[in-house]
Amino acid sequence: MKHLSKDMQNCIDECLRCYQVCLGSAMTHCLETGGKHVEPQHFRLMMACAEICRTSAHLMLLNSPHHKHVCRECAEICTECAKDCERLGGMDDCVRACTQCAESCRAMAA
């Protein structure tokens, strides 16, 4: 079995971490905080971010050549999610996970 490169394994880890943090934050922090945290635009962005991160990790695990396109989109969505979570405040874990994932995916897409 061909092993994944260290960079790809790192990107998979970042994607899965971001998936977990975004989904967990949306389902706990955002739903419990309410207000701007559950406005459709923000909540949909968090769900889209979680899903693209999960999908990116999955395609890398499959060793699919399509991972580059998905990682590029993942970096874009993660960057947008990080900015929106920062705007709302109190979501430092999400901002950090999204920023790190975006960086890693951007490098993987290059």
PDB file of N, CA and C in Angstrom:
ATOM      1  N   MET A   1       0.842  -1.194   0.000  1.00  0.00           N
ATOM      2  CA  MET A   1       0.000   0.000   0.000  1.00  0.00           C
ATOM      3  C   MET A   1       0.879   1.247   0.000  1.00  0.00           C
ATOM      4  N   LYS A   2       0.564   2.151  -0.893  1.00  0.00           N
ATOM      5  CA  LYS A   2       1.310   3.405  -0.980  1.00  0.00           C
ATOM      6  C   LYS A   2       0.871   4.318   0.174  1.00  0.00           C
ATOM      7  N   HIS A   3       1.846   4.825   0.899  1.00  0.00           N
ATOM      8  CA  HIS A   3       1.520   5.704   2.019  1.00  0.00           C
ATOM      9  C   HIS A   3       1.341   7.131   1.543  1.00  0.00           C
ATOM     10  N   LEU A   4       0.528   7.870   2.263  1.00  0.00           N
ATOM     11  CA  LEU A   4       0.301   9.275   1.943  1.00  0.00           C
ATOM     12  C   LEU A   4       1.533  10.078   2.329  1.00  0.00           C
ATOM     13  N   SER A   5       1.780  11.150   1.605  1.00  0.00           N
ATOM     14  CA  SER A   5       2.902  12.023   1.951  1.00  0.00           C
ATOM     15  C   SER A   5       2.620  12.683   3.299  1.00  0.00           C
ATOM     16  N   LYS A   6       3.687  13.140   3.939  1.00  0.00           N
ATOM     17  CA  LYS A   6       3.547  13.812   5.235  1.00  0.00           C
ATOM     18  C   LYS A   6       2.668  15.053   5.105  1.00  0.00           C
ATOM     19  N   ASP A   7       2.843  15.812   4.015  1.00  0.00           N
ATOM     20  CA  ASP A   7       2.034  17.019   3.792  1.00  0.00           C
ATOM     21  C   ASP A   7       0.563  16.678   3.614  1.00  0.00           C
ATOM     22  N   MET A   8       0.296  15.608   2.860  1.00  0.00           N
ATOM     23  CA  MET A   8      -1.102  15.219   2.653  1.00  0.00           C
ATOM     24  C   MET A   8      -1.725  14.729   3.960  1.00  0.00           C
ATOM     25  N   GLN A   9      -0.972  13.941   4.728  1.00  0.00           N
ATOM     26  CA  GLN A   9      -1.495  13.461   6.005  1.00  0.00           C
ATOM     27  C   GLN A   9      -1.773  14.634   6.938  1.00  0.00           C
ATOM     28  N   ASN A  10      -0.909  15.625   6.927  1.00  0.00           N
ATOM     29  CA  ASN A  10      -1.100  16.818   7.743  1.00  0.00           C
ATOM     30  C   ASN A  10      -2.362  17.565   7.304  1.00  0.00           C
ATOM     31  N   CYS A  11      -2.577  17.675   6.007  1.00  0.00           N
ATOM     32  CA  CYS A  11      -3.757  18.358   5.483  1.00  0.00           C
ATOM     33  C   CYS A  11      -5.033  17.593   5.858  1.00  0.00           C
ATOM     34  N   ILE A  12      -4.987  16.276   5.764  1.00  0.00           N
ATOM     35  CA  ILE A  12      -6.132  15.447   6.173  1.00  0.00           C
ATOM     36  C   ILE A  12      -6.455  15.718   7.640  1.00  0.00           C
ATOM     37  N   ASP A  13      -5.416  15.744   8.484  1.00  0.00           N
ATOM     38  CA  ASP A  13      -5.609  16.003   9.917  1.00  0.00           C
ATOM     39  C   ASP A  13      -6.225  17.378  10.158  1.00  0.00           C
ATOM     40  N   GLU A  14      -5.728  18.390   9.436  1.00  0.00           N
ATOM     41  CA  GLU A  14      -6.269  19.754   9.577  1.00  0.00           C
ATOM     42  C   GLU A  14      -7.729  19.804   9.127  1.00  0.00           C
ATOM     43  N   CYS A  15      -8.035  19.138   8.014  1.00  0.00           N
ATOM     44  CA  CYS A  15      -9.415  19.108   7.508  1.00  0.00           C
ATOM     45  C   CYS A  15     -10.358  18.434   8.501  1.00  0.00           C
ATOM     46  N   LEU A  16      -9.929  17.303   9.049  1.00  0.00           N
ATOM     47  CA  LEU A  16     -10.787  16.588   9.997  1.00  0.00           C
ATOM     48  C   LEU A  16     -10.957  17.376  11.294  1.00  0.00           C
ATOM     49  N   ARG A  17      -9.913  18.068  11.710  1.00  0.00           N
ATOM     50  CA  ARG A  17     -10.010  18.913  12.908  1.00  0.00           C
ATOM     51  C   ARG A  17     -11.000  20.048  12.666  1.00  0.00           C
ATOM     52  N   CYS A  18     -10.896  20.682  11.497  1.00  0.00           N
ATOM     53  CA  CYS A  18     -11.785  21.793  11.162  1.00  0.00           C
ATOM     54  C   CYS A  18     -13.234  21.308  11.049  1.00  0.00           C
ATOM     55  N   TYR A  19     -13.425  20.160  10.430  1.00  0.00           N
ATOM     56  CA  TYR A  19     -14.760  19.552  10.333  1.00  0.00           C
ATOM     57  C   TYR A  19     -15.357  19.381  11.736  1.00  0.00           C
ATOM     58  N   GLN A  20     -14.576  18.827  12.631  1.00  0.00           N
ATOM     59  CA  GLN A  20     -15.040  18.573  13.996  1.00  0.00           C
ATOM     60  C   GLN A  20     -15.340  19.872  14.737  1.00  0.00           C
ATOM     61  N   VAL A  21     -14.444  20.845  14.624  1.00  0.00           N
ATOM     62  CA  VAL A  21     -14.615  22.114  15.343  1.00  0.00           C
ATOM     63  C   VAL A  21     -15.803  22.899  14.788  1.00  0.00           C
ATOM     64  N   CYS A  22     -15.918  22.993  13.455  1.00  0.00           N
ATOM     65  CA  CYS A  22     -17.030  23.752  12.862  1.00  0.00           C
ATOM     66  C   CYS A  22     -18.383  23.122  13.180  1.00  0.00           C
ATOM     67  N   LEU A  23     -18.480  21.828  12.990  1.00  0.00           N
ATOM     68  CA  LEU A  23     -19.742  21.151  13.270  1.00  0.00           C
ATOM     69  C   LEU A  23     -20.072  21.239  14.760  1.00  0.00           C
ATOM     70  N   GLY A  24     -19.081  20.969  15.597  1.00  0.00           N
ATOM     71  CA  GLY A  24     -19.294  21.030  17.046  1.00  0.00           C
ATOM     72  C   GLY A  24     -19.667  22.422  17.523  1.00  0.00           C
ATOM     73  N   SER A  25     -18.990  23.433  16.992  1.00  0.00           N
ATOM     74  CA  SER A  25     -19.275  24.823  17.380  1.00  0.00           C
ATOM     75  C   SER A  25     -20.676  25.239  16.941  1.00  0.00           C
ATOM     76  N   ALA A  26     -21.047  24.853  15.730  1.00  0.00           N
ATOM     77  CA  ALA A  26     -22.378  25.204  15.218  1.00  0.00           C
ATOM     78  C   ALA A  26     -23.471  24.553  16.069  1.00  0.00           C
ATOM     79  N   MET A  27     -23.272  23.288  16.391  1.00  0.00           N
ATOM     80  CA  MET A  27     -24.299  22.536  17.106  1.00  0.00           C
ATOM     81  C   MET A  27     -24.379  22.864  18.593  1.00  0.00           C
ATOM     82  N   THR A  28     -23.305  23.382  19.150  1.00  0.00           N
ATOM     83  CA  THR A  28     -23.344  23.730  20.576  1.00  0.00           C
ATOM     84  C   THR A  28     -23.314  25.244  20.743  1.00  0.00           C
ATOM     85  N   HIS A  29     -22.163  25.848  20.522  1.00  0.00           N
ATOM     86  CA  HIS A  29     -21.999  27.284  20.774  1.00  0.00           C
ATOM     87  C   HIS A  29     -23.036  28.128  20.033  1.00  0.00           C
ATOM     88  N   CYS A  30     -23.143  27.949  18.729  1.00  0.00           N
ATOM     89  CA  CYS A  30     -24.045  28.795  17.935  1.00  0.00           C
ATOM     90  C   CYS A  30     -25.511  28.591  18.292  1.00  0.00           C
ATOM     91  N   LEU A  31     -25.936  27.338  18.354  1.00  0.00           N
ATOM     92  CA  LEU A  31     -27.341  27.071  18.689  1.00  0.00           C
ATOM     93  C   LEU A  31     -27.688  27.564  20.094  1.00  0.00           C
ATOM     94  N   GLU A  32     -26.772  27.415  21.030  1.00  0.00           N
ATOM     95  CA  GLU A  32     -27.037  27.834  22.407  1.00  0.00           C
ATOM     96  C   GLU A  32     -26.927  29.342  22.589  1.00  0.00           C
ATOM     97  N   THR A  33     -26.067  29.997  21.803  1.00  0.00           N
ATOM     98  CA  THR A  33     -25.893  31.443  21.900  1.00  0.00           C
ATOM     99  C   THR A  33     -27.043  32.169  21.210  1.00  0.00           C
ATOM    100  N   GLY A  34     -27.477  31.618  20.079  1.00  0.00           N
ATOM    101  CA  GLY A  34     -28.592  32.215  19.347  1.00  0.00           C
ATOM    102  C   GLY A  34     -28.213  33.530  18.687  1.00  0.00           C
ATOM    103  N   GLY A  35     -29.209  34.347  18.407  1.00  0.00           N
ATOM    104  CA  GLY A  35     -28.982  35.653  17.786  1.00  0.00           C
ATOM    105  C   GLY A  35     -28.258  35.535  16.458  1.00  0.00           C
ATOM    106  N   LYS A  36     -27.212  36.356  16.294  1.00  0.00           N
ATOM    107  CA  LYS A  36     -26.448  36.383  15.037  1.00  0.00           C
ATOM    108  C   LYS A  36     -25.785  35.045  14.729  1.00  0.00           C
ATOM    109  N   HIS A  37     -25.545  34.247  15.782  1.00  0.00           N
ATOM    110  CA  HIS A  37     -24.881  32.954  15.603  1.00  0.00           C
ATOM    111  C   HIS A  37     -25.758  31.936  14.864  1.00  0.00           C
ATOM    112  N   VAL A  38     -27.064  32.152  14.842  1.00  0.00           N
ATOM    113  CA  VAL A  38     -27.955  31.223  14.133  1.00  0.00           C
ATOM    114  C   VAL A  38     -28.619  31.867  12.920  1.00  0.00           C
ATOM    115  N   GLU A  39     -28.137  33.040  12.514  1.00  0.00           N
ATOM    116  CA  GLU A  39     -28.661  33.635  11.289  1.00  0.00           C
ATOM    117  C   GLU A  39     -28.298  32.704  10.132  1.00  0.00           C
ATOM    118  N   PRO A  40     -29.220  32.518   9.180  1.00  0.00           N
ATOM    119  CA  PRO A  40     -29.015  31.560   8.096  1.00  0.00           C
ATOM    120  C   PRO A  40     -27.666  31.671   7.380  1.00  0.00           C
ATOM    121  N   GLN A  41     -27.235  32.885   7.050  1.00  0.00           N
ATOM    122  CA  GLN A  41     -25.982  33.038   6.300  1.00  0.00           C
ATOM    123  C   GLN A  41     -24.795  32.455   7.082  1.00  0.00           C
ATOM    124  N   HIS A  42     -24.706  32.777   8.372  1.00  0.00           N
ATOM    125  CA  HIS A  42     -23.593  32.285   9.196  1.00  0.00           C
ATOM    126  C   HIS A  42     -23.694  30.774   9.397  1.00  0.00           C
ATOM    127  N   PHE A  43     -24.875  30.305   9.746  1.00  0.00           N
ATOM    128  CA  PHE A  43     -25.054  28.888  10.056  1.00  0.00           C
ATOM    129  C   PHE A  43     -24.809  28.018   8.818  1.00  0.00           C
ATOM    130  N   ARG A  44     -25.287  28.468   7.665  1.00  0.00           N
ATOM    131  CA  ARG A  44     -25.055  27.725   6.415  1.00  0.00           C
ATOM    132  C   ARG A  44     -23.569  27.689   6.071  1.00  0.00           C
ATOM    133  N   LEU A  45     -22.884  28.810   6.297  1.00  0.00           N
ATOM    134  CA  LEU A  45     -21.451  28.867   6.032  1.00  0.00           C
ATOM    135  C   LEU A  45     -20.703  27.872   6.915  1.00  0.00           C
ATOM    136  N   MET A  46     -21.068  27.787   8.173  1.00  0.00           N
ATOM    137  CA  MET A  46     -20.410  26.822   9.067  1.00  0.00           C
ATOM    138  C   MET A  46     -20.673  25.387   8.625  1.00  0.00           C
ATOM    139  N   MET A  47     -21.895  25.102   8.196  1.00  0.00           N
ATOM    140  CA  MET A  47     -22.225  23.753   7.719  1.00  0.00           C
ATOM    141  C   MET A  47     -21.482  23.445   6.420  1.00  0.00           C
ATOM    142  N   ALA A  48     -21.394  24.432   5.526  1.00  0.00           N
ATOM    143  CA  ALA A  48     -20.662  24.244   4.270  1.00  0.00           C
ATOM    144  C   ALA A  48     -19.183  24.012   4.554  1.00  0.00           C
ATOM    145  N   CYS A  49     -18.649  24.746   5.516  1.00  0.00           N
ATOM    146  CA  CYS A  49     -17.242  24.597   5.878  1.00  0.00           C
ATOM    147  C   CYS A  49     -16.969  23.199   6.430  1.00  0.00           C
ATOM    148  N   ALA A  50     -17.804  22.767   7.349  1.00  0.00           N
ATOM    149  CA  ALA A  50     -17.638  21.429   7.924  1.00  0.00           C
ATOM    150  C   ALA A  50     -17.687  20.368   6.821  1.00  0.00           C
ATOM    151  N   GLU A  51     -18.641  20.503   5.911  1.00  0.00           N
ATOM    152  CA  GLU A  51     -18.819  19.491   4.865  1.00  0.00           C
ATOM    153  C   GLU A  51     -17.678  19.483   3.856  1.00  0.00           C
ATOM    154  N   ILE A  52     -17.203  20.667   3.434  1.00  0.00           N
ATOM    155  CA  ILE A  52     -16.101  20.699   2.463  1.00  0.00           C
ATOM    156  C   ILE A  52     -14.816  20.166   3.099  1.00  0.00           C
ATOM    157  N   CYS A  53     -14.642  20.401   4.383  1.00  0.00           N
ATOM    158  CA  CYS A  53     -13.465  19.862   5.083  1.00  0.00           C
ATOM    159  C   CYS A  53     -13.514  18.336   5.128  1.00  0.00           C
ATOM    160  N   ARG A  54     -14.680  17.810   5.439  1.00  0.00           N
ATOM    161  CA  ARG A  54     -14.864  16.345   5.489  1.00  0.00           C
ATOM    162  C   ARG A  54     -14.624  15.754   4.104  1.00  0.00           C
ATOM    163  N   THR A  55     -15.170  16.400   3.086  1.00  0.00           N
ATOM    164  CA  THR A  55     -15.027  15.921   1.711  1.00  0.00           C
ATOM    165  C   THR A  55     -13.575  15.990   1.246  1.00  0.00           C
ATOM    166  N   SER A  56     -12.892  17.064   1.576  1.00  0.00           N
ATOM    167  CA  SER A  56     -11.475  17.190   1.197  1.00  0.00           C
ATOM    168  C   SER A  56     -10.652  16.071   1.813  1.00  0.00           C
ATOM    169  N   ALA A  57     -10.855  15.832   3.092  1.00  0.00           N
ATOM    170  CA  ALA A  57     -10.136  14.751   3.770  1.00  0.00           C
ATOM    171  C   ALA A  57     -10.438  13.415   3.093  1.00  0.00           C
ATOM    172  N   HIS A  58     -11.699  13.197   2.775  1.00  0.00           N
ATOM    173  CA  HIS A  58     -12.115  11.942   2.162  1.00  0.00           C
ATOM    174  C   HIS A  58     -11.420  11.734   0.804  1.00  0.00           C
ATOM    175  N   LEU A  59     -11.408  12.763  -0.034  1.00  0.00           N
ATOM    176  CA  LEU A  59     -10.776  12.622  -1.351  1.00  0.00           C
ATOM    177  C   LEU A  59      -9.269  12.415  -1.236  1.00  0.00           C
ATOM    178  N   MET A  60      -8.638  13.044  -0.263  1.00  0.00           N
ATOM    179  CA  MET A  60      -7.200  12.797  -0.057  1.00  0.00           C
ATOM    180  C   MET A  60      -6.966  11.364   0.410  1.00  0.00           C
ATOM    181  N   LEU A  61      -7.824  10.868   1.290  1.00  0.00           N
ATOM    182  CA  LEU A  61      -7.697   9.483   1.753  1.00  0.00           C
ATOM    183  C   LEU A  61      -7.897   8.491   0.610  1.00  0.00           C
ATOM    184  N   LEU A  62      -8.736   8.863  -0.353  1.00  0.00           N
ATOM    185  CA  LEU A  62      -8.947   8.025  -1.541  1.00  0.00           C
ATOM    186  C   LEU A  62      -7.782   8.136  -2.526  1.00  0.00           C
ATOM    187  N   ASN A  63      -6.905   9.106  -2.284  1.00  0.00           N
ATOM    188  CA  ASN A  63      -5.788   9.410  -3.176  1.00  0.00           C
ATOM    189  C   ASN A  63      -6.306   9.809  -4.560  1.00  0.00           C
ATOM    190  N   SER A  64      -7.436  10.505  -4.563  1.00  0.00           N
ATOM    191  CA  SER A  64      -8.055  10.957  -5.806  1.00  0.00           C
ATOM    192  C   SER A  64      -7.344  12.210  -6.321  1.00  0.00           C
ATOM    193  N   PRO A  65      -7.077  12.269  -7.628  1.00  0.00           N
ATOM    194  CA  PRO A  65      -6.454  13.474  -8.174  1.00  0.00           C
ATOM    195  C   PRO A  65      -7.368  14.700  -8.057  1.00  0.00           C
ATOM    196  N   HIS A  66      -8.653  14.485  -7.822  1.00  0.00           N
ATOM    197  CA  HIS A  66      -9.607  15.591  -7.680  1.00  0.00           C
ATOM    198  C   HIS A  66      -9.442  16.344  -6.362  1.00  0.00           C
ATOM    199  N   HIS A  67      -8.636  15.815  -5.466  1.00  0.00           N
ATOM    200  CA  HIS A  67      -8.477  16.487  -4.172  1.00  0.00           C
ATOM    201  C   HIS A  67      -7.952  17.912  -4.327  1.00  0.00           C
ATOM    202  N   LYS A  68      -7.163  18.169  -5.372  1.00  0.00           N
ATOM    203  CA  LYS A  68      -6.606  19.516  -5.562  1.00  0.00           C
ATOM    204  C   LYS A  68      -7.704  20.552  -5.772  1.00  0.00           C
ATOM    205  N   HIS A  69      -8.703  20.227  -6.594  1.00  0.00           N
ATOM    206  CA  HIS A  69      -9.809  21.166  -6.846  1.00  0.00           C
ATOM    207  C   HIS A  69     -10.608  21.382  -5.563  1.00  0.00           C
ATOM    208  N   VAL A  70     -10.883  20.297  -4.876  1.00  0.00           N
ATOM    209  CA  VAL A  70     -11.689  20.377  -3.656  1.00  0.00           C
ATOM    210  C   VAL A  70     -10.922  21.116  -2.560  1.00  0.00           C
ATOM    211  N   CYS A  71      -9.629  20.867  -2.466  1.00  0.00           N
ATOM    212  CA  CYS A  71      -8.817  21.572  -1.463  1.00  0.00           C
ATOM    213  C   CYS A  71      -8.788  23.078  -1.739  1.00  0.00           C
ATOM    214  N   ARG A  72      -8.751  23.451  -3.010  1.00  0.00           N
ATOM    215  CA  ARG A  72      -8.763  24.875  -3.371  1.00  0.00           C
ATOM    216  C   ARG A  72     -10.058  25.522  -2.875  1.00  0.00           C
ATOM    217  N   GLU A  73     -11.181  24.866  -3.132  1.00  0.00           N
ATOM    218  CA  GLU A  73     -12.487  25.374  -2.687  1.00  0.00           C
ATOM    219  C   GLU A  73     -12.577  25.350  -1.159  1.00  0.00           C
ATOM    220  N   CYS A  74     -12.029  24.315  -0.561  1.00  0.00           N
ATOM    221  CA  CYS A  74     -12.023  24.196   0.895  1.00  0.00           C
ATOM    222  C   CYS A  74     -11.293  25.378   1.531  1.00  0.00           C
ATOM    223  N   ALA A  75     -10.150  25.734   0.960  1.00  0.00           N
ATOM    224  CA  ALA A  75      -9.375  26.869   1.483  1.00  0.00           C
ATOM    225  C   ALA A  75     -10.194  28.155   1.416  1.00  0.00           C
ATOM    226  N   GLU A  76     -10.928  28.323   0.318  1.00  0.00           N
ATOM    227  CA  GLU A  76     -11.753  29.521   0.138  1.00  0.00           C
ATOM    228  C   GLU A  76     -12.880  29.581   1.180  1.00  0.00           C
ATOM    229  N   ILE A  77     -13.576  28.475   1.347  1.00  0.00           N
ATOM    230  CA  ILE A  77     -14.690  28.433   2.298  1.00  0.00           C
ATOM    231  C   ILE A  77     -14.185  28.575   3.738  1.00  0.00           C
ATOM    232  N   CYS A  78     -13.081  27.916   4.056  1.00  0.00           N
ATOM    233  CA  CYS A  78     -12.515  28.028   5.409  1.00  0.00           C
ATOM    234  C   CYS A  78     -12.113  29.466   5.732  1.00  0.00           C
ATOM    235  N   THR A  79     -11.540  30.153   4.755  1.00  0.00           N
ATOM    236  CA  THR A  79     -11.134  31.550   4.949  1.00  0.00           C
ATOM    237  C   THR A  79     -12.365  32.411   5.224  1.00  0.00           C
ATOM    238  N   GLU A  80     -13.415  32.187   4.451  1.00  0.00           N
ATOM    239  CA  GLU A  80     -14.667  32.933   4.635  1.00  0.00           C
ATOM    240  C   GLU A  80     -15.280  32.628   6.006  1.00  0.00           C
ATOM    241  N   CYS A  81     -15.261  31.364   6.398  1.00  0.00           N
ATOM    242  CA  CYS A  81     -15.822  30.953   7.687  1.00  0.00           C
ATOM    243  C   CYS A  81     -15.028  31.568   8.846  1.00  0.00           C
ATOM    244  N   ALA A  82     -13.705  31.558   8.726  1.00  0.00           N
ATOM    245  CA  ALA A  82     -12.858  32.144   9.774  1.00  0.00           C
ATOM    246  C   ALA A  82     -13.183  33.623   9.963  1.00  0.00           C
ATOM    247  N   LYS A  83     -13.330  34.346   8.858  1.00  0.00           N
ATOM    248  CA  LYS A  83     -13.645  35.780   8.930  1.00  0.00           C
ATOM    249  C   LYS A  83     -15.003  36.015   9.578  1.00  0.00           C
ATOM    250  N   ASP A  84     -15.986  35.187   9.215  1.00  0.00           N
ATOM    251  CA  ASP A  84     -17.330  35.364   9.763  1.00  0.00           C
ATOM    252  C   ASP A  84     -17.373  35.018  11.251  1.00  0.00           C
ATOM    253  N   CYS A  85     -16.671  33.968  11.630  1.00  0.00           N
ATOM    254  CA  CYS A  85     -16.636  33.587  13.057  1.00  0.00           C
ATOM    255  C   CYS A  85     -15.899  34.646  13.875  1.00  0.00           C
ATOM    256  N   GLU A  86     -14.872  35.227  13.284  1.00  0.00           N
ATOM    257  CA  GLU A  86     -14.130  36.292  13.963  1.00  0.00           C
ATOM    258  C   GLU A  86     -15.026  37.521  14.130  1.00  0.00           C
ATOM    259  N   ARG A  87     -15.799  37.827  13.107  1.00  0.00           N
ATOM    260  CA  ARG A  87     -16.732  38.964  13.138  1.00  0.00           C
ATOM    261  C   ARG A  87     -17.737  38.809  14.285  1.00  0.00           C
ATOM    262  N   LEU A  88     -18.250  37.601  14.479  1.00  0.00           N
ATOM    263  CA  LEU A  88     -19.235  37.368  15.535  1.00  0.00           C
ATOM    264  C   LEU A  88     -18.605  37.360  16.921  1.00  0.00           C
ATOM    265  N   GLY A  89     -17.363  36.920  17.001  1.00  0.00           N
ATOM    266  CA  GLY A  89     -16.652  36.878  18.282  1.00  0.00           C
ATOM    267  C   GLY A  89     -16.993  35.652  19.114  1.00  0.00           C
ATOM    268  N   GLY A  90     -16.102  35.338  20.039  1.00  0.00           N
ATOM    269  CA  GLY A  90     -16.293  34.202  20.944  1.00  0.00           C
ATOM    270  C   GLY A  90     -16.138  32.851  20.269  1.00  0.00           C
ATOM    271  N   MET A  91     -15.524  32.846  19.098  1.00  0.00           N
ATOM    272  CA  MET A  91     -15.386  31.601  18.343  1.00  0.00           C
ATOM    273  C   MET A  91     -13.931  31.370  17.936  1.00  0.00           C
ATOM    274  N   ASP A  92     -13.027  31.614  18.867  1.00  0.00           N
ATOM    275  CA  ASP A  92     -11.594  31.528  18.578  1.00  0.00           C
ATOM    276  C   ASP A  92     -11.151  30.150  18.092  1.00  0.00           C
ATOM    277  N   ASP A  93     -11.731  29.087  18.646  1.00  0.00           N
ATOM    278  CA  ASP A  93     -11.366  27.729  18.217  1.00  0.00           C
ATOM    279  C   ASP A  93     -11.701  27.519  16.739  1.00  0.00           C
ATOM    280  N   CYS A  94     -12.848  28.008  16.349  1.00  0.00           N
ATOM    281  CA  CYS A  94     -13.297  27.867  14.965  1.00  0.00           C
ATOM    282  C   CYS A  94     -12.407  28.701  14.033  1.00  0.00           C
ATOM    283  N   VAL A  95     -12.124  29.931  14.436  1.00  0.00           N
ATOM    284  CA  VAL A  95     -11.269  30.807  13.629  1.00  0.00           C
ATOM    285  C   VAL A  95      -9.910  30.144  13.414  1.00  0.00           C
ATOM    286  N   ARG A  96      -9.334  29.603  14.483  1.00  0.00           N
ATOM    287  CA  ARG A  96      -8.013  28.960  14.425  1.00  0.00           C
ATOM    288  C   ARG A  96      -8.051  27.723  13.523  1.00  0.00           C
ATOM    289  N   ALA A  97      -9.038  26.857  13.723  1.00  0.00           N
ATOM    290  CA  ALA A  97      -9.140  25.622  12.928  1.00  0.00           C
ATOM    291  C   ALA A  97      -9.335  25.936  11.448  1.00  0.00           C
ATOM    292  N   CYS A  98     -10.195  26.908  11.151  1.00  0.00           N
ATOM    293  CA  CYS A  98     -10.455  27.279   9.754  1.00  0.00           C
ATOM    294  C   CYS A  98      -9.220  27.890   9.106  1.00  0.00           C
ATOM    295  N   THR A  99      -8.521  28.745   9.840  1.00  0.00           N
ATOM    296  CA  THR A  99      -7.325  29.401   9.304  1.00  0.00           C
ATOM    297  C   THR A  99      -6.239  28.379   9.004  1.00  0.00           C
ATOM    298  N   GLN A 100      -6.022  27.445   9.923  1.00  0.00           N
ATOM    299  CA  GLN A 100      -4.996  26.416   9.723  1.00  0.00           C
ATOM    300  C   GLN A 100      -5.368  25.486   8.576  1.00  0.00           C
ATOM    301  N   CYS A 101      -6.635  25.135   8.490  1.00  0.00           N
ATOM    302  CA  CYS A 101      -7.089  24.255   7.419  1.00  0.00           C
ATOM    303  C   CYS A 101      -6.942  24.954   6.059  1.00  0.00           C
ATOM    304  N   ALA A 102      -7.324  26.225   5.992  1.00  0.00           N
ATOM    305  CA  ALA A 102      -7.216  26.985   4.748  1.00  0.00           C
ATOM    306  C   ALA A 102      -5.771  27.029   4.261  1.00  0.00           C
ATOM    307  N   GLU A 103      -4.865  27.269   5.188  1.00  0.00           N
ATOM    308  CA  GLU A 103      -3.428  27.326   4.859  1.00  0.00           C
ATOM    309  C   GLU A 103      -2.944  25.990   4.302  1.00  0.00           C
ATOM    310  N   SER A 104      -3.318  24.918   4.983  1.00  0.00           N
ATOM    311  CA  SER A 104      -2.891  23.586   4.585  1.00  0.00           C
ATOM    312  C   SER A 104      -3.500  23.187   3.234  1.00  0.00           C
ATOM    313  N   CYS A 105      -4.781  23.481   3.043  1.00  0.00           N
ATOM    314  CA  CYS A 105      -5.456  23.143   1.784  1.00  0.00           C
ATOM    315  C   CYS A 105      -4.926  23.973   0.622  1.00  0.00           C
ATOM    316  N   ARG A 106      -4.603  25.227   0.887  1.00  0.00           N
ATOM    317  CA  ARG A 106      -4.049  26.095  -0.163  1.00  0.00           C
ATOM    318  C   ARG A 106      -2.729  25.491  -0.668  1.00  0.00           C
ATOM    319  N   ALA A 107      -1.900  25.042   0.253  1.00  0.00           N
ATOM    320  CA  ALA A 107      -0.626  24.416  -0.116  1.00  0.00           C
ATOM    321  C   ALA A 107      -0.854  23.103  -0.878  1.00  0.00           C
ATOM    322  N   MET A 108      -1.841  22.335  -0.464  1.00  0.00           N
ATOM    323  CA  MET A 108      -2.134  21.045  -1.099  1.00  0.00           C
ATOM    324  C   MET A 108      -2.674  21.250  -2.520  1.00  0.00           C
ATOM    325  N   ALA A 109      -3.387  22.350  -2.733  1.00  0.00           N
ATOM    326  CA  ALA A 109      -3.996  22.629  -4.041  1.00  0.00           C
ATOM    327  C   ALA A 109      -2.974  23.174  -5.047  1.00  0.00           C
ATOM    328  N   ALA A 110      -1.867  23.667  -4.545  1.00  0.00           N
ATOM    329  CA  ALA A 110      -0.850  24.300  -5.420  1.00  0.00           C
ATOM    330  C   ALA A 110      -0.207  23.309  -6.370  1.00  0.00           C
TER     331      ALA A 110
END
